[in-house]
Protein backbone atom coordinates (compact mmCIF):
# COMPACT_ATOMS: atom_id res chain seq x y z
CA MET A 1 -10.37 3.75 7.73
CA ASP A 2 -7.87 1.39 9.25
CA PHE A 3 -4.41 2.08 10.15
CA THR A 4 -1.68 0.39 8.05
CA LEU A 5 1.97 1.03 8.17
CA ASP A 6 4.58 -0.93 5.57
CA HIS A 7 8.09 -0.14 5.05
CA ARG A 8 10.62 -1.20 2.07
CA LEU A 9 14.10 -0.51 1.00
CA ASN A 10 14.91 1.37 -2.02
CA GLY A 11 18.81 1.41 -1.98
CA ASP A 12 19.88 3.52 1.03
CA LEU A 13 15.97 4.71 1.13
CA THR A 14 13.34 3.31 3.57
CA ILE A 15 10.29 3.97 2.14
CA VAL A 16 7.46 4.01 4.69
CA THR A 17 3.78 3.78 3.46
CA VAL A 18 1.18 4.88 6.03
CA LYS A 19 -2.43 4.53 5.52
CA GLY A 20 -5.17 6.10 7.73
CA GLU A 21 -5.38 7.92 10.31
CA ILE A 22 -2.39 9.40 12.43
CA ASP A 23 -4.08 10.36 15.70
CA VAL A 24 -3.62 9.39 19.47
CA PHE A 25 -4.91 6.33 18.95
CA THR A 26 -2.46 5.12 16.14
CA SER A 27 0.64 7.21 17.10
CA PRO A 28 1.86 4.62 19.46
CA LYS A 29 2.27 2.27 16.89
CA LEU A 30 3.82 4.55 14.60
CA ARG A 31 6.47 5.76 16.92
CA GLU A 32 7.12 2.00 17.95
CA THR A 33 7.63 0.77 14.22
CA LEU A 34 9.73 4.11 13.14
CA LEU A 35 12.06 3.74 16.30
CA GLU A 36 12.66 -0.01 15.38
CA LEU A 37 13.58 0.97 12.05
CA VAL A 38 15.84 3.72 12.93
CA GLU A 39 17.48 1.41 15.90
CA SER A 40 18.20 -1.30 13.07
CA GLY A 41 19.90 1.10 10.83
CA ALA A 42 17.46 3.03 8.61
CA LEU A 43 18.72 6.75 8.47
CA HIS A 44 17.03 7.71 5.12
CA LEU A 45 13.14 7.59 5.61
CA VAL A 46 10.53 8.85 2.85
CA PHE A 47 7.16 8.61 4.07
CA ASP A 48 4.41 8.30 1.71
CA LEU A 49 1.46 9.62 2.76
CA GLY A 50 -0.65 9.33 -0.12
CA GLU A 51 -3.69 7.55 1.78
CA VAL A 52 -3.37 9.59 4.91
CA ASP A 53 -6.78 11.07 5.86
CA LEU A 54 -5.99 12.73 8.96
CA LEU A 55 -3.05 13.79 11.38
CA ASP A 56 -3.20 15.61 14.32
CA SER A 57 -0.73 16.91 16.92
CA THR A 58 0.00 13.60 18.27
CA GLY A 59 1.11 12.33 15.09
CA LEU A 60 3.21 15.28 14.36
CA GLY A 61 4.85 14.93 17.66
CA VAL A 62 5.86 11.10 16.43
CA LEU A 63 7.14 12.78 13.21
CA ILE A 64 9.08 15.42 14.88
CA GLY A 65 10.93 13.14 17.49
CA ILE A 66 11.95 10.70 14.38
CA TYR A 67 13.08 13.49 12.61
CA ASN A 68 15.37 14.75 15.28
CA ARG A 69 16.63 11.24 16.24
CA LEU A 70 17.41 10.66 12.57
CA ARG A 71 19.14 14.24 12.09
CA SER A 72 21.76 13.52 15.29
CA ARG A 73 22.28 10.43 13.42
CA GLY A 74 23.23 12.27 9.98
CA GLY A 75 19.96 10.92 8.46
CA SER A 76 16.85 12.62 6.74
CA MET A 77 13.12 12.38 6.49
CA THR A 78 10.96 13.16 3.30
CA LEU A 79 7.33 13.34 3.35
CA ALA A 80 5.48 12.86 -0.22
CA GLY A 81 1.80 12.71 -1.32
CA ALA A 82 0.12 14.44 1.21
CA ASN A 83 -3.49 15.54 0.69
CA ASP A 84 -4.67 19.14 1.08
CA ARG A 85 -5.83 18.71 4.61
CA VAL A 86 -2.64 16.92 5.66
CA HIS A 87 -0.74 19.50 3.81
CA ARG A 88 -2.32 22.11 5.56
CA VAL A 89 -1.55 21.13 8.93
CA PHE A 90 1.89 21.06 8.24
CA HIS A 91 1.50 24.62 6.93
CA VAL A 92 -0.16 26.02 9.81
CA THR A 93 2.08 24.71 12.22
CA GLN A 94 5.11 25.77 10.34
CA LEU A 95 6.57 22.55 9.73
CA THR A 96 7.16 23.38 5.99
CA LYS A 97 10.25 25.15 7.36
CA ILE A 98 11.56 21.63 8.59
CA PHE A 99 9.91 19.02 6.39
CA VAL A 100 10.27 18.91 2.55
CA LEU A 101 6.71 18.00 1.33
CA TYR A 102 6.98 16.31 -2.18
CA GLY A 103 3.71 16.01 -4.34
CA SER A 104 4.20 12.20 -4.95
CA LEU A 105 6.63 9.35 -3.73
CA GLU A 106 8.30 9.29 -6.88
CA GLU A 107 9.42 13.12 -6.75
CA ALA A 108 10.54 12.29 -3.16
CA VAL A 109 12.85 9.10 -4.05
CA ARG A 110 14.42 10.97 -6.95
CA ALA A 111 15.14 13.77 -4.73
CA SER A 112 16.35 12.09 -2.12
CA ALA A 113 18.70 9.64 -4.03
CA PHE A 114 19.97 12.66 -5.92
CA THR A 115 20.75 14.78 -2.89
CA GLY A 116 21.34 12.47 -0.39
CA ASP A 117 20.08 14.79 2.22
CA THR A 118 16.35 15.56 2.06
CA THR A 119 15.83 18.52 4.63
CA PRO A 120 16.48 21.82 4.22
């Protein structure tokens, strides 16, 4: 499956939709795009991972780096729609202690809009 990355604004939230595999080959593009978003002022990111087939350690590194950058600026990051395989990666690495993973994008947007902060 091809890797694609799109984003759109929803109020104060930036919804980032990722499709395909997030791995050593696609992580540089993911990092570059996310850094551009953060540098342009996006502070609250909601990731739609509903069509992500694979997430490796390189992809996790990108997400953690962006998370740290957002938190240092008072921002937040939420993940939504991860399939069982991707969710398991977060569970095994114990990153579920850092990231809130919602079952659907709608849940994540509602929670983010309601609380204004989506990290534990």
